[in-house]
Amino acid sequence: MRRRHHFHIDYRGHSVSATVETGLRPVVEVLVDGKETGHETPRGDRPVAVPIELPTDPPTPATVRATLGPGVPRCLLVAEDGTDPHVMPSRPY
């Protein structure tokens, strides 16, 4: 059975959203400021890292780490500017 889980965080004035779709063909989609910037198809319940770029000046590379299971999926935003990982809270869609 397919289920969609949505996560969101505002970071450095930018909106970062992730949709994790579970089921036979899991998919992780990442949007930055409403534009799709990353897309991965994980294998099974293995964690997946989706590389993205935040549109700052200069651009800030970051990664959204999605853990599909076991249990409820979780997402972290890991910016490569030396800050700690940020938990992306789930939100109803």
PDB file of N, CA and C in Angstrom:
ATOM      1  N   MET A   1       0.839  -1.179   0.000  1.00  0.00           N
ATOM      2  CA  MET A   1       0.000   0.000   0.000  1.00  0.00           C
ATOM      3  C   MET A   1       0.885   1.245   0.000  1.00  0.00           C
ATOM      4  N   ARG A   2       0.570   2.175  -0.877  1.00  0.00           N
ATOM      5  CA  ARG A   2       1.334   3.409  -0.986  1.00  0.00           C
ATOM      6  C   ARG A   2       0.813   4.428   0.019  1.00  0.00           C
ATOM      7  N   ARG A   3       1.762   5.123   0.655  1.00  0.00           N
ATOM      8  CA  ARG A   3       1.420   6.221   1.558  1.00  0.00           C
ATOM      9  C   ARG A   3       2.358   7.367   1.289  1.00  0.00           C
ATOM     10  N   ARG A   4       1.838   8.581   1.435  1.00  0.00           N
ATOM     11  CA  ARG A   4       2.652   9.786   1.266  1.00  0.00           C
ATOM     12  C   ARG A   4       2.850  10.460   2.616  1.00  0.00           C
ATOM     13  N   HIS A   5       4.081  10.841   2.869  1.00  0.00           N
ATOM     14  CA  HIS A   5       4.442  11.551   4.087  1.00  0.00           C
ATOM     15  C   HIS A   5       5.109  12.853   3.662  1.00  0.00           C
ATOM     16  N   HIS A   6       4.729  13.951   4.297  1.00  0.00           N
ATOM     17  CA  HIS A   6       5.239  15.271   3.924  1.00  0.00           C
ATOM     18  C   HIS A   6       6.023  15.880   5.077  1.00  0.00           C
ATOM     19  N   PHE A   7       7.136  16.519   4.746  1.00  0.00           N
ATOM     20  CA  PHE A   7       8.012  17.156   5.725  1.00  0.00           C
ATOM     21  C   PHE A   7       8.358  18.549   5.222  1.00  0.00           C
ATOM     22  N   HIS A   8       8.589  19.477   6.167  1.00  0.00           N
ATOM     23  CA  HIS A   8       8.866  20.860   5.769  1.00  0.00           C
ATOM     24  C   HIS A   8       9.724  21.561   6.823  1.00  0.00           C
ATOM     25  N   ILE A   9      10.608  22.447   6.331  1.00  0.00           N
ATOM     26  CA  ILE A   9      11.390  23.300   7.223  1.00  0.00           C
ATOM     27  C   ILE A   9      11.706  24.596   6.474  1.00  0.00           C
ATOM     28  N   ASP A  10      11.748  25.692   7.205  1.00  0.00           N
ATOM     29  CA  ASP A  10      12.224  26.962   6.662  1.00  0.00           C
ATOM     30  C   ASP A  10      13.654  27.132   7.145  1.00  0.00           C
ATOM     31  N   TYR A  11      14.580  27.303   6.217  1.00  0.00           N
ATOM     32  CA  TYR A  11      15.987  27.399   6.568  1.00  0.00           C
ATOM     33  C   TYR A  11      16.630  28.530   5.786  1.00  0.00           C
ATOM     34  N   ARG A  12      17.212  29.481   6.493  1.00  0.00           N
ATOM     35  CA  ARG A  12      17.881  30.642   5.893  1.00  0.00           C
ATOM     36  C   ARG A  12      16.984  31.381   4.910  1.00  0.00           C
ATOM     37  N   GLY A  13      15.716  31.493   5.261  1.00  0.00           N
ATOM     38  CA  GLY A  13      14.768  32.228   4.431  1.00  0.00           C
ATOM     39  C   GLY A  13      14.255  31.453   3.233  1.00  0.00           C
ATOM     40  N   HIS A  14      14.514  30.154   3.185  1.00  0.00           N
ATOM     41  CA  HIS A  14      14.059  29.325   2.071  1.00  0.00           C
ATOM     42  C   HIS A  14      13.207  28.174   2.588  1.00  0.00           C
ATOM     43  N   SER A  15      12.229  27.804   1.795  1.00  0.00           N
ATOM     44  CA  SER A  15      11.312  26.722   2.120  1.00  0.00           C
ATOM     45  C   SER A  15      11.850  25.420   1.538  1.00  0.00           C
ATOM     46  N   VAL A  16      12.027  24.415   2.395  1.00  0.00           N
ATOM     47  CA  VAL A  16      12.488  23.100   1.937  1.00  0.00           C
ATOM     48  C   VAL A  16      11.420  22.084   2.332  1.00  0.00           C
ATOM     49  N   SER A  17      10.851  21.417   1.328  1.00  0.00           N
ATOM     50  CA  SER A  17       9.801  20.422   1.557  1.00  0.00           C
ATOM     51  C   SER A  17      10.230  19.092   0.956  1.00  0.00           C
ATOM     52  N   ALA A  18       9.847  18.013   1.625  1.00  0.00           N
ATOM     53  CA  ALA A  18      10.140  16.674   1.118  1.00  0.00           C
ATOM     54  C   ALA A  18       8.868  15.840   1.167  1.00  0.00           C
ATOM     55  N   THR A  19       8.651  15.064   0.133  1.00  0.00           N
ATOM     56  CA  THR A  19       7.555  14.103   0.096  1.00  0.00           C
ATOM     57  C   THR A  19       8.181  12.727  -0.011  1.00  0.00           C
ATOM     58  N   VAL A  20       7.822  11.868   0.937  1.00  0.00           N
ATOM     59  CA  VAL A  20       8.317  10.492   0.950  1.00  0.00           C
ATOM     60  C   VAL A  20       7.125   9.594   0.664  1.00  0.00           C
ATOM     61  N   GLU A  21       7.203   8.879  -0.443  1.00  0.00           N
ATOM     62  CA  GLU A  21       6.135   7.958  -0.811  1.00  0.00           C
ATOM     63  C   GLU A  21       6.640   6.547  -0.580  1.00  0.00           C
ATOM     64  N   THR A  22       5.925   5.793   0.248  1.00  0.00           N
ATOM     65  CA  THR A  22       6.335   4.436   0.571  1.00  0.00           C
ATOM     66  C   THR A  22       5.477   3.455  -0.229  1.00  0.00           C
ATOM     67  N   GLY A  23       5.867   2.215  -0.219  1.00  0.00           N
ATOM     68  CA  GLY A  23       5.134   1.176  -0.938  1.00  0.00           C
ATOM     69  C   GLY A  23       6.092   0.349  -1.778  1.00  0.00           C
ATOM     70  N   LEU A  24       5.577  -0.267  -2.840  1.00  0.00           N
ATOM     71  CA  LEU A  24       6.411  -1.111  -3.700  1.00  0.00           C
ATOM     72  C   LEU A  24       7.512  -0.330  -4.392  1.00  0.00           C
ATOM     73  N   ARG A  25       7.203   0.890  -4.816  1.00  0.00           N
ATOM     74  CA  ARG A  25       8.196   1.747  -5.474  1.00  0.00           C
ATOM     75  C   ARG A  25       8.340   3.050  -4.698  1.00  0.00           C
ATOM     76  N   PRO A  26       9.162   3.038  -3.646  1.00  0.00           N
ATOM     77  CA  PRO A  26       9.309   4.257  -2.846  1.00  0.00           C
ATOM     78  C   PRO A  26       9.982   5.375  -3.640  1.00  0.00           C
ATOM     79  N   VAL A  27       9.594   6.616  -3.336  1.00  0.00           N
ATOM     80  CA  VAL A  27      10.128   7.795  -4.007  1.00  0.00           C
ATOM     81  C   VAL A  27      10.321   8.897  -2.979  1.00  0.00           C
ATOM     82  N   VAL A  28      11.415   9.643  -3.088  1.00  0.00           N
ATOM     83  CA  VAL A  28      11.654  10.822  -2.254  1.00  0.00           C
ATOM     84  C   VAL A  28      11.815  12.009  -3.206  1.00  0.00           C
ATOM     85  N   GLU A  29      10.988  13.026  -2.995  1.00  0.00           N
ATOM     86  CA  GLU A  29      10.987  14.227  -3.829  1.00  0.00           C
ATOM     87  C   GLU A  29      11.271  15.426  -2.940  1.00  0.00           C
ATOM     88  N   VAL A  30      12.163  16.323  -3.361  1.00  0.00           N
ATOM     89  CA  VAL A  30      12.507  17.489  -2.547  1.00  0.00           C
ATOM     90  C   VAL A  30      12.236  18.765  -3.355  1.00  0.00           C
ATOM     91  N   LEU A  31      11.571  19.720  -2.703  1.00  0.00           N
ATOM     92  CA  LEU A  31      11.282  21.020  -3.299  1.00  0.00           C
ATOM     93  C   LEU A  31      11.976  22.100  -2.484  1.00  0.00           C
ATOM     94  N   VAL A  32      12.594  23.051  -3.179  1.00  0.00           N
ATOM     95  CA  VAL A  32      13.171  24.221  -2.525  1.00  0.00           C
ATOM     96  C   VAL A  32      12.460  25.434  -3.102  1.00  0.00           C
ATOM     97  N   ASP A  33      11.817  26.200  -2.237  1.00  0.00           N
ATOM     98  CA  ASP A  33      11.025  27.361  -2.651  1.00  0.00           C
ATOM     99  C   ASP A  33       9.998  26.985  -3.720  1.00  0.00           C
ATOM    100  N   GLY A  34       9.401  25.798  -3.575  1.00  0.00           N
ATOM    101  CA  GLY A  34       8.339  25.362  -4.471  1.00  0.00           C
ATOM    102  C   GLY A  34       8.790  24.736  -5.770  1.00  0.00           C
ATOM    103  N   LYS A  35      10.103  24.625  -5.998  1.00  0.00           N
ATOM    104  CA  LYS A  35      10.609  24.031  -7.238  1.00  0.00           C
ATOM    105  C   LYS A  35      11.297  22.709  -6.929  1.00  0.00           C
ATOM    106  N   GLU A  36      10.992  21.673  -7.734  1.00  0.00           N
ATOM    107  CA  GLU A  36      11.624  20.384  -7.508  1.00  0.00           C
ATOM    108  C   GLU A  36      13.116  20.484  -7.801  1.00  0.00           C
ATOM    109  N   THR A  37      13.922  20.128  -6.800  1.00  0.00           N
ATOM    110  CA  THR A  37      15.371  20.214  -6.962  1.00  0.00           C
ATOM    111  C   THR A  37      16.064  18.879  -6.741  1.00  0.00           C
ATOM    112  N   GLY A  38      15.331  17.885  -6.271  1.00  0.00           N
ATOM    113  CA  GLY A  38      15.935  16.583  -6.043  1.00  0.00           C
ATOM    114  C   GLY A  38      14.895  15.492  -6.056  1.00  0.00           C
ATOM    115  N   HIS A  39      15.320  14.309  -6.518  1.00  0.00           N
ATOM    116  CA  HIS A  39      14.405  13.190  -6.670  1.00  0.00           C
ATOM    117  C   HIS A  39      15.223  11.909  -6.591  1.00  0.00           C
ATOM    118  N   GLU A  40      14.857  10.992  -5.731  1.00  0.00           N
ATOM    119  CA  GLU A  40      15.580   9.722  -5.603  1.00  0.00           C
ATOM    120  C   GLU A  40      14.584   8.583  -5.455  1.00  0.00           C
ATOM    121  N   THR A  41      14.974   7.421  -5.934  1.00  0.00           N
ATOM    122  CA  THR A  41      14.186   6.210  -5.773  1.00  0.00           C
ATOM    123  C   THR A  41      15.003   5.249  -4.916  1.00  0.00           C
ATOM    124  N   PRO A  42      14.695   5.190  -3.607  1.00  0.00           N
ATOM    125  CA  PRO A  42      15.472   4.317  -2.726  1.00  0.00           C
ATOM    126  C   PRO A  42      15.129   2.847  -2.936  1.00  0.00           C
ATOM    127  N   ARG A  43      15.989   1.992  -2.462  1.00  0.00           N
ATOM    128  CA  ARG A  43      15.752   0.551  -2.523  1.00  0.00           C
ATOM    129  C   ARG A  43      15.327   0.061  -1.157  1.00  0.00           C
ATOM    130  N   GLY A  44      14.094  -0.408  -1.068  1.00  0.00           N
ATOM    131  CA  GLY A  44      13.590  -0.920   0.195  1.00  0.00           C
ATOM    132  C   GLY A  44      13.473   0.165   1.246  1.00  0.00           C
ATOM    133  N   ASP A  45      13.819  -0.189   2.479  1.00  0.00           N
ATOM    134  CA  ASP A  45      13.730   0.763   3.590  1.00  0.00           C
ATOM    135  C   ASP A  45      15.060   1.427   3.890  1.00  0.00           C
ATOM    136  N   ARG A  46      16.011   1.341   2.986  1.00  0.00           N
ATOM    137  CA  ARG A  46      17.325   1.946   3.224  1.00  0.00           C
ATOM    138  C   ARG A  46      17.236   3.465   3.204  1.00  0.00           C
ATOM    139  N   PRO A  47      18.012   4.127   4.048  1.00  0.00           N
ATOM    140  CA  PRO A  47      18.057   5.594   4.019  1.00  0.00           C
ATOM    141  C   PRO A  47      18.587   6.089   2.680  1.00  0.00           C
ATOM    142  N   VAL A  48      18.138   7.265   2.293  1.00  0.00           N
ATOM    143  CA  VAL A  48      18.572   7.846   1.025  1.00  0.00           C
ATOM    144  C   VAL A  48      18.961   9.301   1.262  1.00  0.00           C
ATOM    145  N   ALA A  49      19.992   9.758   0.560  1.00  0.00           N
ATOM    146  CA  ALA A  49      20.435  11.154   0.652  1.00  0.00           C
ATOM    147  C   ALA A  49      20.159  11.825  -0.691  1.00  0.00           C
ATOM    148  N   VAL A  50      19.408  12.926  -0.651  1.00  0.00           N
ATOM    149  CA  VAL A  50      19.069  13.673  -1.861  1.00  0.00           C
ATOM    150  C   VAL A  50      19.842  14.993  -1.828  1.00  0.00           C
ATOM    151  N   PRO A  51      20.837  15.158  -2.717  1.00  0.00           N
ATOM    152  CA  PRO A  51      21.600  16.408  -2.732  1.00  0.00           C
ATOM    153  C   PRO A  51      20.770  17.548  -3.330  1.00  0.00           C
ATOM    154  N   ILE A  52      20.839  18.721  -2.681  1.00  0.00           N
ATOM    155  CA  ILE A  52      20.116  19.904  -3.151  1.00  0.00           C
ATOM    156  C   ILE A  52      21.032  21.111  -3.015  1.00  0.00           C
ATOM    157  N   GLU A  53      20.575  22.248  -3.522  1.00  0.00           N
ATOM    158  CA  GLU A  53      21.291  23.511  -3.362  1.00  0.00           C
ATOM    159  C   GLU A  53      20.301  24.572  -2.922  1.00  0.00           C
ATOM    160  N   LEU A  54      20.655  25.310  -1.877  1.00  0.00           N
ATOM    161  CA  LEU A  54      19.820  26.425  -1.444  1.00  0.00           C
ATOM    162  C   LEU A  54      20.242  27.662  -2.229  1.00  0.00           C
ATOM    163  N   PRO A  55      19.263  28.425  -2.757  1.00  0.00           N
ATOM    164  CA  PRO A  55      19.597  29.568  -3.609  1.00  0.00           C
ATOM    165  C   PRO A  55      20.047  30.796  -2.823  1.00  0.00           C
ATOM    166  N   THR A  56      21.152  30.654  -2.112  1.00  0.00           N
ATOM    167  CA  THR A  56      21.745  31.783  -1.391  1.00  0.00           C
ATOM    168  C   THR A  56      22.859  32.350  -2.269  1.00  0.00           C
ATOM    169  N   ASP A  57      23.520  33.375  -1.810  1.00  0.00           N
ATOM    170  CA  ASP A  57      24.617  33.943  -2.585  1.00  0.00           C
ATOM    171  C   ASP A  57      25.905  33.838  -1.782  1.00  0.00           C
ATOM    172  N   PRO A  58      26.804  32.949  -2.036  1.00  0.00           N
ATOM    173  CA  PRO A  58      26.795  31.908  -3.056  1.00  0.00           C
ATOM    174  C   PRO A  58      25.859  30.760  -2.655  1.00  0.00           C
ATOM    175  N   PRO A  59      25.473  29.887  -3.611  1.00  0.00           N
ATOM    176  CA  PRO A  59      24.577  28.769  -3.296  1.00  0.00           C
ATOM    177  C   PRO A  59      25.147  27.878  -2.190  1.00  0.00           C
ATOM    178  N   THR A  60      24.265  27.420  -1.314  1.00  0.00           N
ATOM    179  CA  THR A  60      24.654  26.557  -0.207  1.00  0.00           C
ATOM    180  C   THR A  60      24.274  25.120  -0.531  1.00  0.00           C
ATOM    181  N   PRO A  61      25.262  24.229  -0.703  1.00  0.00           N
ATOM    182  CA  PRO A  61      24.939  22.821  -0.915  1.00  0.00           C
ATOM    183  C   PRO A  61      24.357  22.230   0.365  1.00  0.00           C
ATOM    184  N   ALA A  62      23.397  21.342   0.209  1.00  0.00           N
ATOM    185  CA  ALA A  62      22.764  20.682   1.346  1.00  0.00           C
ATOM    186  C   ALA A  62      22.296  19.306   0.907  1.00  0.00           C
ATOM    187  N   THR A  63      21.876  18.517   1.872  1.00  0.00           N
ATOM    188  CA  THR A  63      21.370  17.180   1.605  1.00  0.00           C
ATOM    189  C   THR A  63      20.140  16.957   2.465  1.00  0.00           C
ATOM    190  N   VAL A  64      19.124  16.334   1.878  1.00  0.00           N
ATOM    191  CA  VAL A  64      17.971  15.882   2.645  1.00  0.00           C
ATOM    192  C   VAL A  64      18.145  14.379   2.809  1.00  0.00           C
ATOM    193  N   ARG A  65      18.255  13.944   4.067  1.00  0.00           N
ATOM    194  CA  ARG A  65      18.391  12.517   4.364  1.00  0.00           C
ATOM    195  C   ARG A  65      17.026  11.985   4.778  1.00  0.00           C
ATOM    196  N   ALA A  66      16.520  11.023   4.029  1.00  0.00           N
ATOM    197  CA  ALA A  66      15.219  10.428   4.320  1.00  0.00           C
ATOM    198  C   ALA A  66      15.414   8.985   4.761  1.00  0.00           C
ATOM    199  N   THR A  67      14.788   8.640   5.877  1.00  0.00           N
ATOM    200  CA  THR A  67      14.780   7.268   6.375  1.00  0.00           C
ATOM    201  C   THR A  67      13.361   6.768   6.235  1.00  0.00           C
ATOM    202  N   LEU A  68      13.158   5.758   5.403  1.00  0.00           N
ATOM    203  CA  LEU A  68      11.813   5.284   5.107  1.00  0.00           C
ATOM    204  C   LEU A  68      11.251   4.354   6.163  1.00  0.00           C
ATOM    205  N   GLY A  69      12.056   3.654   6.874  1.00  0.00           N
ATOM    206  CA  GLY A  69      11.519   2.713   7.865  1.00  0.00           C
ATOM    207  C   GLY A  69      12.656   2.088   8.634  1.00  0.00           C
ATOM    208  N   PRO A  70      12.368   1.206   9.519  1.00  0.00           N
ATOM    209  CA  PRO A  70      11.030   0.719   9.864  1.00  0.00           C
ATOM    210  C   PRO A  70      10.236   1.787  10.613  1.00  0.00           C
ATOM    211  N   GLY A  71       8.944   1.656  10.530  1.00  0.00           N
ATOM    212  CA  GLY A  71       8.066   2.628  11.180  1.00  0.00           C
ATOM    213  C   GLY A  71       7.775   3.801  10.275  1.00  0.00           C
ATOM    214  N   VAL A  72       7.537   4.938  10.888  1.00  0.00           N
ATOM    215  CA  VAL A  72       7.187   6.158  10.162  1.00  0.00           C
ATOM    216  C   VAL A  72       8.442   6.787   9.567  1.00  0.00           C
ATOM    217  N   PRO A  73       8.400   7.245   8.306  1.00  0.00           N
ATOM    218  CA  PRO A  73       9.563   7.902   7.699  1.00  0.00           C
ATOM    219  C   PRO A  73       9.981   9.158   8.465  1.00  0.00           C
ATOM    220  N   ARG A  74      11.267   9.517   8.326  1.00  0.00           N
ATOM    221  CA  ARG A  74      11.830  10.710   8.952  1.00  0.00           C
ATOM    222  C   ARG A  74      12.739  11.398   7.953  1.00  0.00           C
ATOM    223  N   CYS A  75      12.883  12.730   8.085  1.00  0.00           N
ATOM    224  CA  CYS A  75      13.761  13.495   7.195  1.00  0.00           C
ATOM    225  C   CYS A  75      14.609  14.468   8.003  1.00  0.00           C
ATOM    226  N   LEU A  76      15.848  14.652   7.556  1.00  0.00           N
ATOM    227  CA  LEU A  76      16.781  15.619   8.127  1.00  0.00           C
ATOM    228  C   LEU A  76      17.311  16.507   7.009  1.00  0.00           C
ATOM    229  N   LEU A  77      17.510  17.780   7.313  1.00  0.00           N
ATOM    230  CA  LEU A  77      18.190  18.693   6.399  1.00  0.00           C
ATOM    231  C   LEU A  77      19.608  18.870   6.924  1.00  0.00           C
ATOM    232  N   VAL A  78      20.582  18.530   6.088  1.00  0.00           N
ATOM    233  CA  VAL A  78      21.985  18.659   6.471  1.00  0.00           C
ATOM    234  C   VAL A  78      22.615  19.681   5.531  1.00  0.00           C
ATOM    235  N   ALA A  79      22.830  20.899   6.036  1.00  0.00           N
ATOM    236  CA  ALA A  79      23.472  21.954   5.238  1.00  0.00           C
ATOM    237  C   ALA A  79      24.976  21.804   5.373  1.00  0.00           C
ATOM    238  N   GLU A  80      25.683  22.037   4.297  1.00  0.00           N
ATOM    239  CA  GLU A  80      27.136  21.874   4.299  1.00  0.00           C
ATOM    240  C   GLU A  80      27.842  23.158   4.689  1.00  0.00           C
ATOM    241  N   ASP A  81      27.201  23.920   5.592  1.00  0.00           N
ATOM    242  CA  ASP A  81      27.820  25.156   6.085  1.00  0.00           C
ATOM    243  C   ASP A  81      28.311  24.992   7.513  1.00  0.00           C
ATOM    244  N   GLY A  82      28.407  23.732   7.965  1.00  0.00           N
ATOM    245  CA  GLY A  82      28.955  23.463   9.287  1.00  0.00           C
ATOM    246  C   GLY A  82      27.931  23.434  10.407  1.00  0.00           C
ATOM    247  N   THR A  83      26.661  23.647  10.125  1.00  0.00           N
ATOM    248  CA  THR A  83      25.643  23.601  11.165  1.00  0.00           C
ATOM    249  C   THR A  83      25.211  22.155  11.403  1.00  0.00           C
ATOM    250  N   ASP A  84      24.592  21.921  12.553  1.00  0.00           N
ATOM    251  CA  ASP A  84      24.077  20.595  12.878  1.00  0.00           C
ATOM    252  C   ASP A  84      22.898  20.253  11.974  1.00  0.00           C
ATOM    253  N   PRO A  85      22.616  18.953  11.790  1.00  0.00           N
ATOM    254  CA  PRO A  85      21.440  18.547  11.009  1.00  0.00           C
ATOM    255  C   PRO A  85      20.154  19.086  11.644  1.00  0.00           C
ATOM    256  N   HIS A  86      19.184  19.435  10.814  1.00  0.00           N
ATOM    257  CA  HIS A  86      17.911  19.964  11.273  1.00  0.00           C
ATOM    258  C   HIS A  86      16.809  18.954  10.976  1.00  0.00           C
ATOM    259  N   VAL A  87      16.033  18.601  11.998  1.00  0.00           N
ATOM    260  CA  VAL A  87      14.905  17.691  11.810  1.00  0.00           C
ATOM    261  C   VAL A  87      13.832  18.427  11.020  1.00  0.00           C
ATOM    262  N   MET A  88      13.333  17.778   9.983  1.00  0.00           N
ATOM    263  CA  MET A  88      12.241  18.335   9.201  1.00  0.00           C
ATOM    264  C   MET A  88      10.939  17.770   9.770  1.00  0.00           C
ATOM    265  N   PRO A  89      10.131  18.620  10.434  1.00  0.00           N
ATOM    266  CA  PRO A  89       8.898  18.114  11.027  1.00  0.00           C
ATOM    267  C   PRO A  89       7.911  17.644   9.958  1.00  0.00           C
ATOM    268  N   SER A  90       7.165  16.584  10.295  1.00  0.00           N
ATOM    269  CA  SER A  90       6.144  16.124   9.366  1.00  0.00           C
ATOM    270  C   SER A  90       4.969  17.090   9.435  1.00  0.00           C
ATOM    271  N   ARG A  91       4.214  17.130   8.359  1.00  0.00           N
ATOM    272  CA  ARG A  91       3.059  18.018   8.326  1.00  0.00           C
ATOM    273  C   ARG A  91       1.968  17.373   7.499  1.00  0.00           C
ATOM    274  N   PRO A  92       0.723  17.621   7.876  1.00  0.00           N
ATOM    275  CA  PRO A  92      -0.373  17.079   7.062  1.00  0.00           C
ATOM    276  C   PRO A  92      -0.433  17.823   5.739  1.00  0.00           C
ATOM    277  N   TYR A  93      -0.879  17.156   4.732  1.00  0.00           N
ATOM    278  CA  TYR A  93      -0.902  17.761   3.407  1.00  0.00           C
ATOM    279  C   TYR A  93      -2.321  18.015   2.962  1.00  0.00           C
TER     280      TYR A  93
END
